[in-house]
Amino acid sequence: MTISIHESAIVDEGAKIGAGSRIWHFVHVCGGAKIGEKCSLGQNVFVGNKVEIGNNCKIQNNVSVYDNVYLEDDVFCGPSMVFTNVYNPRSAIERKSEYRDTLVKQGATLGANCTVVCGVTIGKYAFVGAGAVINKSVPDYALVVGVPAKQIGWMSEFGEQLELPLVGEAEARCSHTGSIYQLKHNKLVKLTES
């Protein structure tokens, strides 16, 4: 598999890009970035030096992945969503030594125009609704929306809302895959494969 880089993109020397990845119009990838296989970086994406992006990630148009942001495999970043890396920025005060890590775990979806305040972890297969503001960590499989974001449900790995209460103990089956999920001690786990 070859890497596809549009002629208008800038990929600085030293950047590592995995096989099958596609870099579209006006993208800038800094030299220290590590991008996995089969990723797609849409128009006008920026990737900082201290960034690691897993395999099969989709980063839609107008997203900046700043230093200290780490994406595991299969992460979806919707159009114009925002990452930050300084909690209390000021133009006149340099705070590069204060960057906070942000981790987005496998399979998570970050909806269009959402904002992720630095220093949080987005759990595996979590789903952040469009326009939400994330200012605290999000559990695995959680569906969160709003400003600030609040959990309103649970999502399957397929990306469909499961019929489960927010708390308590219960089980649900994904109608698309047949996989069974169990809610226990306010955590959701997948019990069976489809």
C-alpha atoms as a PDB file:
ATOM      1  CA  MET A   1       0.000   0.000   0.000  1.00  0.00           C
ATOM      2  CA  THR A   2       1.267   3.421  -0.876  1.00  0.00           C
ATOM      3  CA  ILE A   3       0.866   6.708   0.948  1.00  0.00           C
ATOM      4  CA  SER A   4      -1.142   9.364  -0.891  1.00  0.00           C
ATOM      5  CA  ILE A   5      -0.067  12.962  -0.245  1.00  0.00           C
ATOM      6  CA  HIS A   6      -1.739  15.818  -2.109  1.00  0.00           C
ATOM      7  CA  GLU A   7       0.658  18.240  -3.789  1.00  0.00           C
ATOM      8  CA  SER A   8      -0.611  21.147  -1.630  1.00  0.00           C
ATOM      9  CA  ALA A   9       0.135  19.307   1.638  1.00  0.00           C
ATOM     10  CA  ILE A  10       3.282  19.959   3.691  1.00  0.00           C
ATOM     11  CA  VAL A  11       4.838  16.951   5.386  1.00  0.00           C
ATOM     12  CA  ASP A  12       7.937  17.955   7.317  1.00  0.00           C
ATOM     13  CA  GLU A  13      11.038  15.770   7.219  1.00  0.00           C
ATOM     14  CA  GLY A  14      11.005  13.121   9.924  1.00  0.00           C
ATOM     15  CA  ALA A  15       7.226  12.587  10.052  1.00  0.00           C
ATOM     16  CA  LYS A  16       6.261   8.911  10.102  1.00  0.00           C
ATOM     17  CA  ILE A  17       3.184   8.005   8.052  1.00  0.00           C
ATOM     18  CA  GLY A  18       1.874   4.451   7.786  1.00  0.00           C
ATOM     19  CA  ALA A  19       1.083   2.571   4.598  1.00  0.00           C
ATOM     20  CA  GLY A  20      -2.252   3.286   2.946  1.00  0.00           C
ATOM     21  CA  SER A  21      -2.711   6.668   4.621  1.00  0.00           C
ATOM     22  CA  ARG A  22      -4.118   9.612   2.674  1.00  0.00           C
ATOM     23  CA  ILE A  23      -3.085  13.221   3.267  1.00  0.00           C
ATOM     24  CA  TRP A  24      -5.462  15.659   1.539  1.00  0.00           C
ATOM     25  CA  HIS A  25      -5.373  19.344   0.489  1.00  0.00           C
ATOM     26  CA  PHE A  26      -3.506  21.935   2.582  1.00  0.00           C
ATOM     27  CA  VAL A  27      -2.584  19.537   5.391  1.00  0.00           C
ATOM     28  CA  HIS A  28       0.520  20.238   7.494  1.00  0.00           C
ATOM     29  CA  VAL A  29       2.181  17.327   9.315  1.00  0.00           C
ATOM     30  CA  CYS A  30       5.090  18.317  11.576  1.00  0.00           C
ATOM     31  CA  GLY A  31       8.337  16.343  11.561  1.00  0.00           C
ATOM     32  CA  GLY A  32       7.858  14.608  14.919  1.00  0.00           C
ATOM     33  CA  ALA A  33       4.360  13.279  14.185  1.00  0.00           C
ATOM     34  CA  LYS A  34       3.630   9.557  14.048  1.00  0.00           C
ATOM     35  CA  ILE A  35       0.625   8.544  11.950  1.00  0.00           C
ATOM     36  CA  GLY A  36      -0.491   4.931  11.596  1.00  0.00           C
ATOM     37  CA  GLU A  37      -1.652   2.912   8.611  1.00  0.00           C
ATOM     38  CA  LYS A  38      -4.820   3.567   6.589  1.00  0.00           C
ATOM     39  CA  CYS A  39      -5.477   6.997   8.113  1.00  0.00           C
ATOM     40  CA  SER A  40      -7.255   9.826   6.335  1.00  0.00           C
ATOM     41  CA  LEU A  41      -6.388  13.467   7.066  1.00  0.00           C
ATOM     42  CA  GLY A  42      -8.940  15.791   5.453  1.00  0.00           C
ATOM     43  CA  GLN A  43      -8.450  19.248   4.011  1.00  0.00           C
ATOM     44  CA  ASN A  44      -6.700  21.810   6.239  1.00  0.00           C
ATOM     45  CA  VAL A  45      -5.685  19.387   9.016  1.00  0.00           C
ATOM     46  CA  PHE A  46      -2.689  20.240  11.201  1.00  0.00           C
ATOM     47  CA  VAL A  47      -0.709  17.559  13.099  1.00  0.00           C
ATOM     48  CA  GLY A  48       1.837  18.701  15.700  1.00  0.00           C
ATOM     49  CA  ASN A  49       5.261  17.296  16.528  1.00  0.00           C
ATOM     50  CA  LYS A  50       4.366  15.445  19.717  1.00  0.00           C
ATOM     51  CA  VAL A  51       1.325  13.636  18.321  1.00  0.00           C
ATOM     52  CA  GLU A  52       0.691   9.941  17.838  1.00  0.00           C
ATOM     53  CA  ILE A  53      -2.200   8.768  15.672  1.00  0.00           C
ATOM     54  CA  GLY A  54      -3.086   5.076  15.513  1.00  0.00           C
ATOM     55  CA  ASN A  55      -4.212   3.008  12.543  1.00  0.00           C
ATOM     56  CA  ASN A  56      -7.408   3.640  10.556  1.00  0.00           C
ATOM     57  CA  CYS A  57      -8.133   7.054  12.080  1.00  0.00           C
ATOM     58  CA  LYS A  58     -10.306   9.532  10.193  1.00  0.00           C
ATOM     59  CA  ILE A  59      -9.548  13.199  10.844  1.00  0.00           C
ATOM     60  CA  GLN A  60     -12.038  15.335   8.955  1.00  0.00           C
ATOM     61  CA  ASN A  61     -11.549  18.838   7.521  1.00  0.00           C
ATOM     62  CA  ASN A  62     -10.256  21.735   9.645  1.00  0.00           C
ATOM     63  CA  VAL A  63      -9.009  19.787  12.672  1.00  0.00           C
ATOM     64  CA  SER A  64      -5.762  20.675  14.472  1.00  0.00           C
ATOM     65  CA  VAL A  65      -4.200  17.823  16.431  1.00  0.00           C
ATOM     66  CA  TYR A  66      -1.841  19.693  18.746  1.00  0.00           C
ATOM     67  CA  ASP A  67       1.151  18.427  20.747  1.00  0.00           C
ATOM     68  CA  ASN A  68       0.339  15.993  23.559  1.00  0.00           C
ATOM     69  CA  VAL A  69      -2.757  14.592  21.824  1.00  0.00           C
ATOM     70  CA  TYR A  70      -2.734  10.827  21.349  1.00  0.00           C
ATOM     71  CA  LEU A  71      -5.284   8.944  19.241  1.00  0.00           C
ATOM     72  CA  GLU A  72      -5.534   5.162  19.411  1.00  0.00           C
ATOM     73  CA  ASP A  73      -6.746   3.031  16.467  1.00  0.00           C
ATOM     74  CA  ASP A  74     -10.072   3.688  14.692  1.00  0.00           C
ATOM     75  CA  VAL A  75     -10.706   7.170  16.137  1.00  0.00           C
ATOM     76  CA  PHE A  76     -13.038   9.492  14.204  1.00  0.00           C
ATOM     77  CA  CYS A  77     -12.531  13.255  14.523  1.00  0.00           C
ATOM     78  CA  GLY A  78     -15.476  15.126  12.998  1.00  0.00           C
ATOM     79  CA  PRO A  79     -15.182  18.289  10.913  1.00  0.00           C
ATOM     80  CA  SER A  80     -13.850  21.357  12.735  1.00  0.00           C
ATOM     81  CA  MET A  81     -13.669  19.676  16.149  1.00  0.00           C
ATOM     82  CA  VAL A  82     -11.093  21.212  18.498  1.00  0.00           C
ATOM     83  CA  PHE A  83      -8.293  19.848  20.675  1.00  0.00           C
ATOM     84  CA  THR A  84      -6.429  22.029  23.178  1.00  0.00           C
ATOM     85  CA  ASN A  85      -3.169  21.418  25.030  1.00  0.00           C
ATOM     86  CA  VAL A  86      -2.901  24.309  27.501  1.00  0.00           C
ATOM     87  CA  TYR A  87      -5.559  24.605  30.205  1.00  0.00           C
ATOM     88  CA  ASN A  88      -5.204  28.348  30.881  1.00  0.00           C
ATOM     89  CA  PRO A  89      -3.588  29.967  27.810  1.00  0.00           C
ATOM     90  CA  ARG A  90      -2.420  33.564  27.650  1.00  0.00           C
ATOM     91  CA  SER A  91      -0.829  35.141  24.611  1.00  0.00           C
ATOM     92  CA  ALA A  92       1.873  36.919  26.636  1.00  0.00           C
ATOM     93  CA  ILE A  93       2.793  33.916  28.821  1.00  0.00           C
ATOM     94  CA  GLU A  94       4.548  30.879  27.356  1.00  0.00           C
ATOM     95  CA  ARG A  95       3.164  27.650  28.792  1.00  0.00           C
ATOM     96  CA  LYS A  96       4.698  24.989  26.555  1.00  0.00           C
ATOM     97  CA  SER A  97       6.053  23.256  29.648  1.00  0.00           C
ATOM     98  CA  GLU A  98       2.486  22.978  30.957  1.00  0.00           C
ATOM     99  CA  TYR A  99       0.926  21.007  28.084  1.00  0.00           C
ATOM    100  CA  ARG A 100      -1.577  18.445  29.334  1.00  0.00           C
ATOM    101  CA  ASP A 101      -1.944  15.056  27.654  1.00  0.00           C
ATOM    102  CA  THR A 102      -5.194  14.124  25.954  1.00  0.00           C
ATOM    103  CA  LEU A 103      -5.853  10.475  25.121  1.00  0.00           C
ATOM    104  CA  VAL A 104      -8.611   9.316  22.790  1.00  0.00           C
ATOM    105  CA  LYS A 105      -9.019   5.557  23.072  1.00  0.00           C
ATOM    106  CA  GLN A 106      -9.796   3.011  20.377  1.00  0.00           C
ATOM    107  CA  GLY A 107     -12.939   3.470  18.325  1.00  0.00           C
ATOM    108  CA  ALA A 108     -14.078   6.745  19.895  1.00  0.00           C
ATOM    109  CA  THR A 109     -16.051   9.271  17.842  1.00  0.00           C
ATOM    110  CA  LEU A 110     -15.633  13.021  18.336  1.00  0.00           C
ATOM    111  CA  GLY A 111     -18.544  14.807  16.666  1.00  0.00           C
ATOM    112  CA  ALA A 112     -18.331  17.861  14.431  1.00  0.00           C
ATOM    113  CA  ASN A 113     -17.452  21.121  16.199  1.00  0.00           C
ATOM    114  CA  CYS A 114     -16.963  19.516  19.608  1.00  0.00           C
ATOM    115  CA  THR A 115     -14.189  20.848  21.868  1.00  0.00           C
ATOM    116  CA  VAL A 116     -11.921  18.655  23.991  1.00  0.00           C
ATOM    117  CA  VAL A 117     -10.322  20.563  26.858  1.00  0.00           C
ATOM    118  CA  CYS A 118      -6.837  19.158  27.451  1.00  0.00           C
ATOM    119  CA  GLY A 119      -5.939  16.688  30.165  1.00  0.00           C
ATOM    120  CA  VAL A 120      -8.807  14.235  29.662  1.00  0.00           C
ATOM    121  CA  THR A 121      -9.237  10.691  28.404  1.00  0.00           C
ATOM    122  CA  ILE A 122     -12.028   9.790  26.000  1.00  0.00           C
ATOM    123  CA  GLY A 123     -12.879   6.126  26.613  1.00  0.00           C
ATOM    124  CA  LYS A 124     -12.926   3.391  24.006  1.00  0.00           C
ATOM    125  CA  TYR A 125     -15.927   3.518  21.656  1.00  0.00           C
ATOM    126  CA  ALA A 126     -17.254   6.610  23.444  1.00  0.00           C
ATOM    127  CA  PHE A 127     -19.384   8.939  21.336  1.00  0.00           C
ATOM    128  CA  VAL A 128     -19.125  12.717  21.741  1.00  0.00           C
ATOM    129  CA  GLY A 129     -22.045  14.556  20.157  1.00  0.00           C
ATOM    130  CA  ALA A 130     -21.626  17.444  17.734  1.00  0.00           C
ATOM    131  CA  GLY A 131     -20.843  20.740  19.461  1.00  0.00           C
ATOM    132  CA  ALA A 132     -20.222  19.204  22.894  1.00  0.00           C
ATOM    133  CA  VAL A 133     -17.548  20.596  25.222  1.00  0.00           C
ATOM    134  CA  ILE A 134     -15.537  17.900  27.001  1.00  0.00           C
ATOM    135  CA  ASN A 135     -13.987  19.181  30.245  1.00  0.00           C
ATOM    136  CA  LYS A 136     -13.675  15.849  32.086  1.00  0.00           C
ATOM    137  CA  SER A 137     -12.836  12.283  31.111  1.00  0.00           C
ATOM    138  CA  VAL A 138     -15.479  10.207  29.325  1.00  0.00           C
ATOM    139  CA  PRO A 139     -16.084   6.515  30.181  1.00  0.00           C
ATOM    140  CA  ASP A 140     -15.798   3.676  27.663  1.00  0.00           C
ATOM    141  CA  TYR A 141     -18.924   3.396  25.456  1.00  0.00           C
ATOM    142  CA  ALA A 142     -20.493   6.579  26.920  1.00  0.00           C
ATOM    143  CA  LEU A 143     -22.681   8.894  24.826  1.00  0.00           C
ATOM    144  CA  VAL A 144     -22.105  12.503  25.883  1.00  0.00           C
ATOM    145  CA  VAL A 145     -23.650  15.737  24.588  1.00  0.00           C
ATOM    146  CA  GLY A 146     -23.992  19.392  25.558  1.00  0.00           C
ATOM    147  CA  VAL A 147     -22.038  22.261  27.074  1.00  0.00           C
ATOM    148  CA  PRO A 148     -20.473  21.143  29.317  1.00  0.00           C
ATOM    149  CA  ALA A 149     -20.906  17.566  28.103  1.00  0.00           C
ATOM    150  CA  LYS A 150     -23.089  15.241  30.143  1.00  0.00           C
ATOM    151  CA  GLN A 151     -23.627  11.531  29.639  1.00  0.00           C
ATOM    152  CA  ILE A 152     -27.066  10.675  28.273  1.00  0.00           C
ATOM    153  CA  GLY A 153     -26.585   7.036  27.290  1.00  0.00           C
ATOM    154  CA  TRP A 154     -24.360   4.200  26.118  1.00  0.00           C
ATOM    155  CA  MET A 155     -23.169   3.293  22.609  1.00  0.00           C
ATOM    156  CA  SER A 156     -22.288  -0.011  20.960  1.00  0.00           C
ATOM    157  CA  GLU A 157     -19.056  -0.505  19.036  1.00  0.00           C
ATOM    158  CA  PHE A 158     -21.222  -0.368  15.901  1.00  0.00           C
ATOM    159  CA  GLY A 159     -22.174   3.224  16.801  1.00  0.00           C
ATOM    160  CA  GLU A 160     -25.803   2.748  17.847  1.00  0.00           C
ATOM    161  CA  GLN A 161     -27.320   3.794  21.164  1.00  0.00           C
ATOM    162  CA  LEU A 162     -28.012   0.871  23.493  1.00  0.00           C
ATOM    163  CA  GLU A 163     -31.215   0.647  25.527  1.00  0.00           C
ATOM    164  CA  LEU A 164     -29.620   0.831  28.965  1.00  0.00           C
ATOM    165  CA  PRO A 165     -30.033   3.017  32.050  1.00  0.00           C
ATOM    166  CA  LEU A 166     -27.179   5.387  32.905  1.00  0.00           C
ATOM    167  CA  VAL A 167     -26.543   3.595  36.215  1.00  0.00           C
ATOM    168  CA  GLY A 168     -27.397   0.259  37.760  1.00  0.00           C
ATOM    169  CA  GLU A 169     -27.055  -3.213  36.342  1.00  0.00           C
ATOM    170  CA  ALA A 170     -28.472  -4.334  33.006  1.00  0.00           C
ATOM    171  CA  GLU A 171     -27.649  -6.003  29.700  1.00  0.00           C
ATOM    172  CA  ALA A 172     -28.418  -4.995  26.127  1.00  0.00           C
ATOM    173  CA  ARG A 173     -27.909  -6.502  22.695  1.00  0.00           C
ATOM    174  CA  CYS A 174     -26.750  -4.448  19.715  1.00  0.00           C
ATOM    175  CA  SER A 175     -29.533  -4.767  17.141  1.00  0.00           C
ATOM    176  CA  HIS A 176     -27.038  -4.594  14.261  1.00  0.00           C
ATOM    177  CA  THR A 177     -24.359  -7.040  15.377  1.00  0.00           C
ATOM    178  CA  GLY A 178     -25.985  -9.154  18.085  1.00  0.00           C
ATOM    179  CA  SER A 179     -23.160  -8.367  20.524  1.00  0.00           C
ATOM    180  CA  ILE A 180     -24.178  -8.294  24.183  1.00  0.00           C
ATOM    181  CA  TYR A 181     -23.115  -5.484  26.529  1.00  0.00           C
ATOM    182  CA  GLN A 182     -23.312  -5.522  30.319  1.00  0.00           C
ATOM    183  CA  LEU A 183     -23.669  -2.507  32.591  1.00  0.00           C
ATOM    184  CA  LYS A 184     -22.340  -3.186  36.079  1.00  0.00           C
ATOM    185  CA  HIS A 185     -20.908  -0.825  38.716  1.00  0.00           C
ATOM    186  CA  ASN A 186     -21.570   2.073  36.301  1.00  0.00           C
ATOM    187  CA  LYS A 187     -19.210   0.610  33.681  1.00  0.00           C
ATOM    188  CA  LEU A 188     -20.173  -0.933  30.362  1.00  0.00           C
ATOM    189  CA  VAL A 189     -18.346  -3.954  28.984  1.00  0.00           C
ATOM    190  CA  LYS A 190     -18.861  -6.000  25.849  1.00  0.00           C
ATOM    191  CA  LEU A 191     -19.551  -9.640  26.772  1.00  0.00           C
ATOM    192  CA  THR A 192     -19.799 -11.324  23.363  1.00  0.00           C
ATOM    193  CA  GLU A 193     -18.537 -10.831  19.853  1.00  0.00           C
ATOM    194  CA  SER A 194     -21.025 -10.589  17.016  1.00  0.00           C
END
